[in-house]
Amino acid sequence: MRAFIAIDIPEVLHKSVRKFQSSLDRTQIFNASWTNQYHFTLKFLGNITVEKQLKNIIEKLEIISKRNSSFTAELKGISGFPYKISPRVIWIGIGEGSDRINALQKIINDEFIKLNFENETNYTNHLTLARVNAINNKPAWLDILKSNENRSFGKFKVSSIKLYESKLRQGRHVYEVIRDFNLA
């Protein structure tokens, strides 16, 4: 089973994100695959092959969630990876609450190193909007990037972290919640 740990955004913000995706898609600036599964990945775990390993993951996340309180975060700004002027991934970032998400990610990363998971050193909190195959009009993309670098998509309460399983169905990744862990 392929697994990861993430923060979901509430359904109420999905509409704002989808509307923005649609407006970008209509520009035909990109050849892109648009996602509709919105979350902030905190830690990619990869393949979990042993039931005991899953039990250890759940125990660790129960402890972490009890030691961390809920907080407010804001979906804010757009950018791209690996280079924002020539992205392969277009994403929305975090304004308010960014420091809390980064701290939570660091705690999870540090604790999961103890369980022999890989150390993630270059974490950037982001919500993926699209995977870009090609940019058809780079000047237009740069205009969109500049005009939306501080755009707010709304605020939400981060009250839980989730352990997900990633499954491949009909050539698409589908994410299913294994367990939800409420923050204190």
C-alpha atoms as a PDB file:
ATOM      1  CA  MET A   1       0.000   0.000   0.000  1.00  0.00           C
ATOM      2  CA  ARG A   2       1.306   3.475  -0.925  1.00  0.00           C
ATOM      3  CA  ALA A   3       0.591   5.973   1.825  1.00  0.00           C
ATOM      4  CA  PHE A   4       1.007   9.621   2.770  1.00  0.00           C
ATOM      5  CA  ILE A   5       0.034  12.030   5.559  1.00  0.00           C
ATOM      6  CA  ALA A   6      -1.890  15.188   4.649  1.00  0.00           C
ATOM      7  CA  ILE A   7      -4.098  18.094   5.663  1.00  0.00           C
ATOM      8  CA  ASP A   8      -7.404  18.418   3.803  1.00  0.00           C
ATOM      9  CA  ILE A   9      -9.081  21.668   2.898  1.00  0.00           C
ATOM     10  CA  PRO A  10     -12.803  21.961   3.629  1.00  0.00           C
ATOM     11  CA  GLU A  11     -15.411  21.439   0.922  1.00  0.00           C
ATOM     12  CA  VAL A  12     -16.382  25.125   1.113  1.00  0.00           C
ATOM     13  CA  LEU A  13     -12.966  26.095  -0.338  1.00  0.00           C
ATOM     14  CA  HIS A  14     -13.126  23.504  -3.111  1.00  0.00           C
ATOM     15  CA  LYS A  15     -15.514  25.774  -5.047  1.00  0.00           C
ATOM     16  CA  SER A  16     -13.072  28.696  -4.956  1.00  0.00           C
ATOM     17  CA  VAL A  17     -10.188  26.478  -6.081  1.00  0.00           C
ATOM     18  CA  ARG A  18     -12.228  24.798  -8.855  1.00  0.00           C
ATOM     19  CA  LYS A  19     -13.387  28.181 -10.151  1.00  0.00           C
ATOM     20  CA  PHE A  20      -9.778  29.357 -10.393  1.00  0.00           C
ATOM     21  CA  GLN A  21      -8.732  26.116 -12.109  1.00  0.00           C
ATOM     22  CA  SER A  22     -11.524  26.559 -14.656  1.00  0.00           C
ATOM     23  CA  SER A  23     -10.461  30.129 -15.370  1.00  0.00           C
ATOM     24  CA  LEU A  24      -6.875  28.973 -15.948  1.00  0.00           C
ATOM     25  CA  ASP A  25      -8.002  26.085 -18.131  1.00  0.00           C
ATOM     26  CA  ARG A  26     -10.116  28.405 -20.318  1.00  0.00           C
ATOM     27  CA  THR A  27      -7.052  30.531 -21.096  1.00  0.00           C
ATOM     28  CA  GLN A  28      -5.544  27.538 -22.941  1.00  0.00           C
ATOM     29  CA  ILE A  29      -2.110  28.721 -21.795  1.00  0.00           C
ATOM     30  CA  PHE A  30      -1.305  25.179 -20.652  1.00  0.00           C
ATOM     31  CA  ASN A  31      -1.657  21.603 -21.659  1.00  0.00           C
ATOM     32  CA  ALA A  32      -2.305  20.302 -18.162  1.00  0.00           C
ATOM     33  CA  SER A  33      -3.951  17.620 -16.054  1.00  0.00           C
ATOM     34  CA  TRP A  34      -6.092  19.323 -13.420  1.00  0.00           C
ATOM     35  CA  THR A  35      -6.546  17.697 -10.029  1.00  0.00           C
ATOM     36  CA  ASN A  36      -9.711  17.668  -7.943  1.00  0.00           C
ATOM     37  CA  GLN A  37      -8.240  16.016  -4.849  1.00  0.00           C
ATOM     38  CA  TYR A  38      -7.168  18.916  -2.661  1.00  0.00           C
ATOM     39  CA  HIS A  39      -4.771  18.437   0.242  1.00  0.00           C
ATOM     40  CA  PHE A  40      -1.401  19.506   1.635  1.00  0.00           C
ATOM     41  CA  THR A  41       0.938  16.531   1.825  1.00  0.00           C
ATOM     42  CA  LEU A  42       2.955  16.596   5.045  1.00  0.00           C
ATOM     43  CA  LYS A  43       4.878  13.366   4.513  1.00  0.00           C
ATOM     44  CA  PHE A  44       5.018  10.851   1.689  1.00  0.00           C
ATOM     45  CA  LEU A  45       5.555   7.415   3.204  1.00  0.00           C
ATOM     46  CA  GLY A  46       5.792   5.324   0.052  1.00  0.00           C
ATOM     47  CA  ASN A  47       5.040   1.618   0.168  1.00  0.00           C
ATOM     48  CA  ILE A  48       3.953   0.174   3.492  1.00  0.00           C
ATOM     49  CA  THR A  49       4.234  -3.584   3.306  1.00  0.00           C
ATOM     50  CA  VAL A  50       3.887  -4.873   6.843  1.00  0.00           C
ATOM     51  CA  GLU A  51       0.822  -4.608   9.108  1.00  0.00           C
ATOM     52  CA  LYS A  52       3.138  -3.824  12.045  1.00  0.00           C
ATOM     53  CA  GLN A  53       4.532  -0.845  10.136  1.00  0.00           C
ATOM     54  CA  LEU A  54       0.982   0.504   9.660  1.00  0.00           C
ATOM     55  CA  LYS A  55       0.310   0.009  13.383  1.00  0.00           C
ATOM     56  CA  ASN A  56       3.480   1.977  14.261  1.00  0.00           C
ATOM     57  CA  ILE A  57       2.468   4.779  11.867  1.00  0.00           C
ATOM     58  CA  ILE A  58      -0.986   5.045  13.434  1.00  0.00           C
ATOM     59  CA  GLU A  59       0.449   5.060  16.968  1.00  0.00           C
ATOM     60  CA  LYS A  60       2.951   7.774  16.032  1.00  0.00           C
ATOM     61  CA  LEU A  61       0.238   9.951  14.422  1.00  0.00           C
ATOM     62  CA  GLU A  62      -2.021   9.547  17.471  1.00  0.00           C
ATOM     63  CA  ILE A  63       0.767  10.918  19.683  1.00  0.00           C
ATOM     64  CA  ILE A  64       1.623  13.775  17.299  1.00  0.00           C
ATOM     65  CA  SER A  65      -2.026  14.837  16.894  1.00  0.00           C
ATOM     66  CA  LYS A  66      -2.578  14.941  20.670  1.00  0.00           C
ATOM     67  CA  ARG A  67       0.478  17.182  21.104  1.00  0.00           C
ATOM     68  CA  ASN A  68      -0.504  19.724  18.427  1.00  0.00           C
ATOM     69  CA  SER A  69      -3.457  22.091  18.502  1.00  0.00           C
ATOM     70  CA  SER A  70      -5.737  23.140  15.673  1.00  0.00           C
ATOM     71  CA  PHE A  71      -5.052  26.438  13.898  1.00  0.00           C
ATOM     72  CA  THR A  72      -6.235  28.695  11.080  1.00  0.00           C
ATOM     73  CA  ALA A  73      -4.599  28.625   7.667  1.00  0.00           C
ATOM     74  CA  GLU A  74      -5.177  30.622   4.492  1.00  0.00           C
ATOM     75  CA  LEU A  75      -4.932  29.387   0.917  1.00  0.00           C
ATOM     76  CA  LYS A  76      -2.917  32.162  -0.671  1.00  0.00           C
ATOM     77  CA  GLY A  77      -0.938  32.819  -3.825  1.00  0.00           C
ATOM     78  CA  ILE A  78       0.023  30.627  -6.760  1.00  0.00           C
ATOM     79  CA  SER A  79       3.360  29.374  -7.975  1.00  0.00           C
ATOM     80  CA  GLY A  80       4.957  26.423  -9.690  1.00  0.00           C
ATOM     81  CA  PHE A  81       7.541  23.664  -9.387  1.00  0.00           C
ATOM     82  CA  PRO A  82      10.358  23.204 -10.175  1.00  0.00           C
ATOM     83  CA  TYR A  83      10.558  26.761 -11.547  1.00  0.00           C
ATOM     84  CA  LYS A  84       7.648  29.125 -11.288  1.00  0.00           C
ATOM     85  CA  ILE A  85       8.363  30.611 -14.723  1.00  0.00           C
ATOM     86  CA  SER A  86       8.385  27.159 -16.317  1.00  0.00           C
ATOM     87  CA  PRO A  87       6.404  24.874 -14.005  1.00  0.00           C
ATOM     88  CA  ARG A  88       5.660  21.168 -14.213  1.00  0.00           C
ATOM     89  CA  VAL A  89       3.243  21.629 -11.292  1.00  0.00           C
ATOM     90  CA  ILE A  90       1.016  24.648 -10.593  1.00  0.00           C
ATOM     91  CA  TRP A  91       0.062  25.091  -6.965  1.00  0.00           C
ATOM     92  CA  ILE A  92      -1.572  27.272  -4.306  1.00  0.00           C
ATOM     93  CA  GLY A  93       0.425  28.144  -1.213  1.00  0.00           C
ATOM     94  CA  ILE A  94      -0.351  29.085   2.369  1.00  0.00           C
ATOM     95  CA  GLY A  95      -0.366  32.587   3.825  1.00  0.00           C
ATOM     96  CA  GLU A  96      -1.516  32.665   7.442  1.00  0.00           C
ATOM     97  CA  GLY A  97      -0.681  29.401   9.186  1.00  0.00           C
ATOM     98  CA  SER A  98       2.311  28.600   6.995  1.00  0.00           C
ATOM     99  CA  ASP A  99       4.621  28.539  10.008  1.00  0.00           C
ATOM    100  CA  ARG A 100       2.291  26.092  11.809  1.00  0.00           C
ATOM    101  CA  ILE A 101       2.085  23.756   8.805  1.00  0.00           C
ATOM    102  CA  ASN A 102       5.863  23.853   8.410  1.00  0.00           C
ATOM    103  CA  ALA A 103       6.324  23.108  12.129  1.00  0.00           C
ATOM    104  CA  LEU A 104       3.840  20.223  11.973  1.00  0.00           C
ATOM    105  CA  GLN A 105       5.569  18.820   8.888  1.00  0.00           C
ATOM    106  CA  LYS A 106       8.944  19.019  10.645  1.00  0.00           C
ATOM    107  CA  ILE A 107       7.611  17.201  13.716  1.00  0.00           C
ATOM    108  CA  ILE A 108       6.126  14.462  11.527  1.00  0.00           C
ATOM    109  CA  ASN A 109       9.287  14.198   9.447  1.00  0.00           C
ATOM    110  CA  ASP A 110      11.536  13.993  12.528  1.00  0.00           C
ATOM    111  CA  GLU A 111       9.342  11.367  14.207  1.00  0.00           C
ATOM    112  CA  PHE A 112       9.058   9.266  11.064  1.00  0.00           C
ATOM    113  CA  ILE A 113      12.821   9.239  10.547  1.00  0.00           C
ATOM    114  CA  LYS A 114      12.825   7.235  13.802  1.00  0.00           C
ATOM    115  CA  LEU A 115      10.561   4.707  12.036  1.00  0.00           C
ATOM    116  CA  ASN A 116      13.118   4.484   9.191  1.00  0.00           C
ATOM    117  CA  PHE A 117      11.249   6.672   6.710  1.00  0.00           C
ATOM    118  CA  GLU A 118      13.182   8.966   4.403  1.00  0.00           C
ATOM    119  CA  ASN A 119      14.185  12.434   5.612  1.00  0.00           C
ATOM    120  CA  GLU A 120      12.430  15.187   3.624  1.00  0.00           C
ATOM    121  CA  THR A 121      14.674  18.240   3.621  1.00  0.00           C
ATOM    122  CA  ASN A 122      13.127  20.468   0.924  1.00  0.00           C
ATOM    123  CA  TYR A 123       9.502  20.696   2.044  1.00  0.00           C
ATOM    124  CA  THR A 124       7.304  23.442   0.571  1.00  0.00           C
ATOM    125  CA  ASN A 125       3.682  23.439   1.673  1.00  0.00           C
ATOM    126  CA  HIS A 126       1.458  23.531  -1.404  1.00  0.00           C
ATOM    127  CA  LEU A 127      -1.867  22.399  -2.810  1.00  0.00           C
ATOM    128  CA  THR A 128      -1.456  20.994  -6.318  1.00  0.00           C
ATOM    129  CA  LEU A 129      -3.767  22.484  -8.960  1.00  0.00           C
ATOM    130  CA  ALA A 130      -2.330  20.877 -12.093  1.00  0.00           C
ATOM    131  CA  ARG A 131       0.463  18.889 -13.631  1.00  0.00           C
ATOM    132  CA  VAL A 132       1.694  20.821 -16.654  1.00  0.00           C
ATOM    133  CA  ASN A 133       2.659  19.037 -19.856  1.00  0.00           C
ATOM    134  CA  ALA A 134       3.454  22.226 -21.783  1.00  0.00           C
ATOM    135  CA  ILE A 135       3.089  26.003 -21.536  1.00  0.00           C
ATOM    136  CA  ASN A 136       1.706  27.430 -24.774  1.00  0.00           C
ATOM    137  CA  ASN A 137       2.072  31.107 -23.843  1.00  0.00           C
ATOM    138  CA  LYS A 138       4.782  31.907 -21.286  1.00  0.00           C
ATOM    139  CA  PRO A 139       4.163  35.716 -21.191  1.00  0.00           C
ATOM    140  CA  ALA A 140       0.479  35.091 -20.401  1.00  0.00           C
ATOM    141  CA  TRP A 141       1.465  32.608 -17.660  1.00  0.00           C
ATOM    142  CA  LEU A 142       3.829  35.187 -16.130  1.00  0.00           C
ATOM    143  CA  ASP A 143       0.977  37.746 -16.111  1.00  0.00           C
ATOM    144  CA  ILE A 144      -1.320  35.258 -14.362  1.00  0.00           C
ATOM    145  CA  LEU A 145       1.419  34.380 -11.900  1.00  0.00           C
ATOM    146  CA  LYS A 146       2.063  38.033 -11.047  1.00  0.00           C
ATOM    147  CA  SER A 147      -1.613  38.969 -10.733  1.00  0.00           C
ATOM    148  CA  ASN A 148      -2.338  36.013  -8.417  1.00  0.00           C
ATOM    149  CA  GLU A 149       0.815  35.812  -6.287  1.00  0.00           C
ATOM    150  CA  ASN A 150      -1.049  37.263  -3.270  1.00  0.00           C
ATOM    151  CA  ARG A 151      -4.567  36.110  -4.109  1.00  0.00           C
ATOM    152  CA  SER A 152      -6.500  34.714  -1.150  1.00  0.00           C
ATOM    153  CA  PHE A 153      -8.660  31.671  -1.809  1.00  0.00           C
ATOM    154  CA  GLY A 154     -10.030  31.692   1.737  1.00  0.00           C
ATOM    155  CA  LYS A 155      -9.202  30.645   5.284  1.00  0.00           C
ATOM    156  CA  PHE A 156      -9.899  27.350   6.992  1.00  0.00           C
ATOM    157  CA  LYS A 157      -9.365  25.617  10.302  1.00  0.00           C
ATOM    158  CA  VAL A 158      -6.760  22.871  10.355  1.00  0.00           C
ATOM    159  CA  SER A 159      -8.282  20.534  12.921  1.00  0.00           C
ATOM    160  CA  SER A 160      -6.938  17.162  11.797  1.00  0.00           C
ATOM    161  CA  ILE A 161      -4.292  15.309   9.841  1.00  0.00           C
ATOM    162  CA  LYS A 162      -5.094  12.279   7.724  1.00  0.00           C
ATOM    163  CA  LEU A 163      -3.324   9.108   6.765  1.00  0.00           C
ATOM    164  CA  TYR A 164      -4.139   8.309   3.136  1.00  0.00           C
ATOM    165  CA  GLU A 165      -3.701   5.360   0.844  1.00  0.00           C
ATOM    166  CA  SER A 166      -2.951   6.185  -2.788  1.00  0.00           C
ATOM    167  CA  LYS A 167      -4.460   3.718  -5.257  1.00  0.00           C
ATOM    168  CA  LEU A 168      -4.137   3.633  -9.025  1.00  0.00           C
ATOM    169  CA  ARG A 169      -7.524   3.137 -10.700  1.00  0.00           C
ATOM    170  CA  GLN A 170      -8.025   3.375 -14.451  1.00  0.00           C
ATOM    171  CA  GLY A 171      -4.739   5.243 -14.780  1.00  0.00           C
ATOM    172  CA  ARG A 172      -5.620   7.833 -12.116  1.00  0.00           C
ATOM    173  CA  HIS A 173      -4.512   8.196  -8.516  1.00  0.00           C
ATOM    174  CA  VAL A 174      -7.374   7.917  -6.052  1.00  0.00           C
ATOM    175  CA  TYR A 175      -6.798   8.826  -2.414  1.00  0.00           C
ATOM    176  CA  GLU A 176      -8.670   7.041   0.371  1.00  0.00           C
ATOM    177  CA  VAL A 177      -8.510   8.002   4.039  1.00  0.00           C
ATOM    178  CA  ILE A 178      -7.128   5.209   6.203  1.00  0.00           C
ATOM    179  CA  ARG A 179      -7.467   7.179   9.428  1.00  0.00           C
ATOM    180  CA  ASP A 180      -8.258  10.712  10.586  1.00  0.00           C
ATOM    181  CA  PHE A 181      -6.348  12.166  13.576  1.00  0.00           C
ATOM    182  CA  ASN A 182      -7.935  15.159  15.328  1.00  0.00           C
ATOM    183  CA  LEU A 183      -5.541  17.813  16.572  1.00  0.00           C
ATOM    184  CA  ALA A 184      -5.833  18.842  20.225  1.00  0.00           C
END
